[in-house]
Amino acid sequence: MKIRIFLLLFIAALSFQDALAQKKRLMLFDNYTKGTVLMKNRARVNAELNFDATNNNMMFKQGSEEMILTNVNQIDTVYIGNRKFIPIKNIYLESVSTKHGDIYIHWNMKNAYKGKKGAMGMTTQAKVETINTAEYQYGVYENQYVDVYQLSNENEYYLFKKGKPAIVKNEKTLLKSFPENKDAIKGYIKEQKVSFSKVDDIIKLLEYCLGL
């Protein structure tokens, strides 16, 4: 409960995308996956679930239809496979446990359509589109029609450093949160070739920082 209150107060001070400005969906998982919705009254509902990482909506399948999970204020936790999502205010945060503390991901993903690759390997017609893929860590996706997409994210990561909340969006905000360990963190980023566009890299980096 204490962690939720901290997160709620922390999130209240931040600005998010307008919930009414819906964008094309980018699903976190390739397919709908068996999961459980734990309600605040301790009831459990099993369903086929997925997460819209562009609009921060929890999705479920009813027959062949895709539906948005509503009444978020009545939900305690959502489990999809072995992953855990916590509703805080009007968004979901994915909770990732590490040996040095928990990290909370506010997903905000998109795919930039780079254009069609021609015979000479050049691309044209840059615009923004989305695709359905869970392979967010690999960065580049090409479909059979040689359309080239570059996956990007504007994720925010919340963590608690000695009981105080910190937010990380990029290297600059990370170093600001750990000023006393700046040199060690820069060395880790360089040695491990950390990419801030790869979620797995960032989680490992933040776990390292929490252990300093």
Protein backbone atom coordinates (compact mmCIF):
# COMPACT_ATOMS: atom_id res chain seq x y z
CA MET A 1 0.00 0.00 0.00
CA LYS A 2 2.85 2.40 0.84
CA ILE A 3 4.43 1.81 -2.57
CA ARG A 4 1.11 2.55 -4.33
CA ILE A 5 0.70 5.83 -2.41
CA PHE A 6 4.26 6.87 -3.35
CA LEU A 7 3.59 6.04 -7.00
CA LEU A 8 0.26 7.85 -7.00
CA LEU A 9 1.80 11.02 -5.57
CA PHE A 10 4.73 10.73 -7.96
CA ILE A 11 2.56 10.24 -11.02
CA ALA A 12 0.28 13.13 -10.03
CA ALA A 13 3.19 15.51 -10.59
CA LEU A 14 3.91 14.24 -14.10
CA SER A 15 2.23 14.98 -17.42
CA PHE A 16 1.01 12.14 -19.65
CA GLN A 17 -0.51 11.91 -23.11
CA ASP A 18 -4.18 12.84 -23.29
CA ALA A 19 -6.13 9.66 -22.66
CA LEU A 20 -8.69 10.80 -25.22
CA ALA A 21 -6.07 11.16 -27.97
CA GLN A 22 -6.02 7.48 -28.92
CA LYS A 23 -3.27 6.31 -31.26
CA LYS A 24 -2.98 3.15 -33.30
CA ARG A 25 -2.41 0.18 -31.05
CA LEU A 26 1.00 -1.38 -30.52
CA MET A 27 0.42 -4.54 -28.52
CA LEU A 28 3.09 -5.62 -26.05
CA PHE A 29 2.57 -9.33 -26.75
CA ASP A 30 2.32 -10.98 -30.17
CA ASN A 31 -0.82 -12.83 -29.10
CA TYR A 32 -3.47 -12.63 -26.44
CA THR A 33 -2.20 -14.60 -23.44
CA LYS A 34 -3.90 -16.29 -20.53
CA GLY A 35 -3.93 -13.99 -17.55
CA THR A 36 -5.71 -13.03 -14.36
CA VAL A 37 -7.36 -9.80 -13.23
CA LEU A 38 -7.25 -9.49 -9.45
CA MET A 39 -9.98 -7.15 -8.19
CA LYS A 40 -9.74 -5.04 -5.04
CA ASN A 41 -12.49 -7.17 -3.49
CA ARG A 42 -10.07 -10.14 -4.00
CA ALA A 43 -12.18 -11.70 -6.76
CA ARG A 44 -10.18 -13.18 -9.63
CA VAL A 45 -11.18 -13.11 -13.29
CA ASN A 46 -9.34 -15.25 -15.83
CA ALA A 47 -9.17 -13.95 -19.41
CA GLU A 48 -7.12 -13.77 -22.61
CA LEU A 49 -5.20 -10.52 -22.11
CA ASN A 50 -2.83 -8.19 -23.95
CA PHE A 51 -1.49 -4.70 -23.30
CA ASP A 52 -1.74 -1.73 -25.65
CA ALA A 53 1.67 -0.11 -25.07
CA THR A 54 0.77 2.95 -27.14
CA ASN A 55 -2.46 3.98 -25.40
CA ASN A 56 -1.79 2.29 -22.04
CA ASN A 57 -4.96 0.19 -22.19
CA MET A 58 -5.39 -3.31 -20.84
CA MET A 59 -7.07 -5.38 -23.56
CA PHE A 60 -9.00 -8.65 -23.43
CA LYS A 61 -10.67 -10.91 -25.95
CA GLN A 62 -14.36 -11.63 -25.85
CA GLY A 63 -14.95 -14.20 -28.56
CA SER A 64 -13.31 -12.70 -31.64
CA GLU A 65 -13.65 -9.11 -30.41
CA GLU A 66 -10.90 -7.06 -28.75
CA MET A 67 -12.17 -5.10 -25.76
CA ILE A 68 -10.66 -2.53 -23.38
CA LEU A 69 -10.74 -3.48 -19.71
CA THR A 70 -12.73 -0.76 -17.92
CA ASN A 71 -13.51 0.05 -14.26
CA VAL A 72 -9.78 0.39 -13.63
CA ASN A 73 -10.42 1.87 -10.17
CA GLN A 74 -11.77 -1.55 -9.07
CA ILE A 75 -8.68 -3.47 -10.24
CA ASP A 76 -5.81 -4.32 -7.90
CA THR A 77 -3.35 -6.12 -10.21
CA VAL A 78 -3.31 -7.68 -13.68
CA TYR A 79 -1.14 -10.71 -14.42
CA ILE A 80 -0.30 -11.66 -18.02
CA GLY A 81 1.78 -14.82 -18.10
CA ASN A 82 4.57 -14.15 -15.61
CA ARG A 83 4.30 -10.36 -15.90
CA LYS A 84 2.58 -8.01 -13.49
CA PHE A 85 0.75 -4.73 -14.17
CA ILE A 86 -0.49 -2.32 -11.52
CA PRO A 87 -3.15 0.34 -12.25
CA ILE A 88 -2.19 3.71 -10.77
CA LYS A 89 -4.51 6.64 -11.37
CA ASN A 90 -5.36 6.45 -15.11
CA ILE A 91 -2.42 4.34 -16.32
CA TYR A 92 -0.90 0.88 -15.88
CA LEU A 93 2.66 0.37 -14.71
CA GLU A 94 4.46 -2.89 -15.31
CA SER A 95 6.20 -3.98 -12.12
CA VAL A 96 9.59 -5.66 -12.61
CA SER A 97 11.30 -7.19 -9.57
CA THR A 98 15.09 -7.15 -9.34
CA LYS A 99 17.43 -8.22 -6.55
CA HIS A 100 18.01 -4.58 -5.61
CA GLY A 101 14.44 -3.31 -5.80
CA ASP A 102 11.36 -3.00 -7.98
CA ILE A 103 11.24 -1.01 -11.23
CA TYR A 104 7.97 0.28 -12.71
CA ILE A 105 7.62 0.79 -16.46
CA HIS A 106 5.20 3.32 -17.93
CA TRP A 107 5.00 2.02 -21.49
CA ASN A 108 4.83 4.47 -24.39
CA MET A 109 5.79 2.72 -27.63
CA LYS A 110 5.56 3.55 -31.31
CA ASN A 111 6.94 2.42 -34.65
CA ALA A 112 8.33 4.92 -37.11
CA TYR A 113 7.69 3.74 -40.66
CA LYS A 114 10.93 4.50 -42.52
CA GLY A 115 9.61 3.71 -45.98
CA LYS A 116 10.01 0.95 -48.56
CA LYS A 117 13.43 -0.53 -49.16
CA GLY A 118 14.38 -0.43 -52.84
CA ALA A 119 16.84 -2.50 -54.82
CA MET A 120 19.69 -0.24 -53.76
CA GLY A 121 18.79 -0.58 -50.08
CA MET A 122 17.51 3.00 -49.76
CA THR A 123 14.28 3.97 -47.96
CA THR A 124 11.85 6.81 -48.64
CA GLN A 125 8.47 8.20 -47.48
CA ALA A 126 9.03 8.49 -43.73
CA LYS A 127 5.84 8.52 -41.65
CA VAL A 128 4.53 7.05 -38.39
CA GLU A 129 2.72 3.71 -38.28
CA THR A 130 2.37 0.84 -35.82
CA ILE A 131 2.76 -2.93 -35.92
CA ASN A 132 1.78 -5.76 -33.61
CA THR A 133 4.93 -7.21 -32.06
CA ALA A 134 6.39 -8.05 -28.67
CA GLU A 135 9.97 -8.01 -29.98
CA TYR A 136 10.61 -4.52 -28.65
CA GLN A 137 14.20 -5.25 -27.68
CA TYR A 138 15.44 -5.84 -31.20
CA GLY A 139 14.77 -2.37 -32.58
CA VAL A 140 14.18 -3.05 -36.27
CA TYR A 141 11.35 -4.97 -37.93
CA GLU A 142 10.89 -5.70 -41.64
CA ASN A 143 7.73 -7.26 -43.07
CA GLN A 144 7.42 -9.38 -46.21
CA TYR A 145 6.57 -6.34 -48.34
CA VAL A 146 9.96 -4.77 -47.53
CA ASP A 147 8.40 -1.96 -45.54
CA VAL A 148 11.01 -0.93 -42.98
CA TYR A 149 9.97 0.00 -39.44
CA GLN A 150 12.08 1.41 -36.63
CA LEU A 151 10.67 0.61 -33.20
CA SER A 152 11.14 3.36 -30.65
CA ASN A 153 9.94 4.07 -27.17
CA GLU A 154 9.40 7.01 -24.89
CA ASN A 155 9.02 4.83 -21.82
CA GLU A 156 9.37 6.21 -18.32
CA TYR A 157 10.85 4.14 -15.52
CA TYR A 158 10.02 4.71 -11.85
CA LEU A 159 12.11 3.41 -8.99
CA PHE A 160 12.82 4.13 -5.36
CA LYS A 161 16.29 5.18 -4.31
CA LYS A 162 16.65 4.90 -0.55
CA GLY A 163 12.88 5.28 -0.19
CA LYS A 164 12.63 8.32 -2.44
CA PRO A 165 11.02 8.11 -5.90
CA ALA A 166 13.05 8.78 -9.04
CA ILE A 167 12.07 8.89 -12.70
CA VAL A 168 14.30 7.84 -15.60
CA LYS A 169 13.62 8.66 -19.25
CA ASN A 170 17.14 8.76 -20.67
CA GLU A 171 20.79 8.93 -19.67
CA LYS A 172 20.52 12.55 -18.55
CA THR A 173 17.68 11.91 -16.10
CA LEU A 174 19.40 8.73 -14.85
CA LEU A 175 22.62 10.57 -14.01
CA LYS A 176 20.60 13.33 -12.34
CA SER A 177 18.98 10.70 -10.09
CA PHE A 178 22.36 9.15 -9.15
CA PRO A 179 24.79 12.12 -9.14
CA GLU A 180 27.16 10.50 -6.63
CA ASN A 181 27.62 7.48 -8.94
CA LYS A 182 27.84 9.34 -12.24
CA ASP A 183 31.28 8.04 -13.28
CA ALA A 184 30.46 4.41 -12.43
CA ILE A 185 27.19 4.58 -14.34
CA LYS A 186 28.81 6.17 -17.40
CA GLY A 187 31.43 3.42 -17.32
CA TYR A 188 28.74 0.72 -17.15
CA ILE A 189 26.81 2.25 -20.05
CA LYS A 190 29.94 2.35 -22.19
CA GLU A 191 31.21 -1.11 -21.25
CA GLN A 192 27.83 -2.83 -21.66
CA LYS A 193 26.93 -0.78 -24.75
CA VAL A 194 23.58 0.13 -23.22
CA SER A 195 20.87 1.29 -25.62
CA PHE A 196 18.12 3.41 -24.10
CA SER A 197 15.77 2.16 -26.82
CA LYS A 198 16.05 -1.42 -25.50
CA VAL A 199 13.94 -2.16 -22.46
CA ASP A 200 16.04 -5.14 -21.36
CA ASP A 201 19.17 -2.97 -21.38
CA ILE A 202 17.52 -0.30 -19.25
CA ILE A 203 16.20 -2.78 -16.68
CA LYS A 204 19.69 -4.27 -16.24
CA LEU A 205 21.17 -0.78 -15.99
CA LEU A 206 18.66 0.35 -13.37
CA GLU A 207 19.23 -2.84 -11.37
CA TYR A 208 22.94 -2.05 -11.43
CA CYS A 209 22.26 1.53 -10.26
CA LEU A 210 20.02 0.37 -7.39
CA GLY A 211 22.84 -1.88 -6.21
CA LEU A 212 25.43 0.89 -6.01
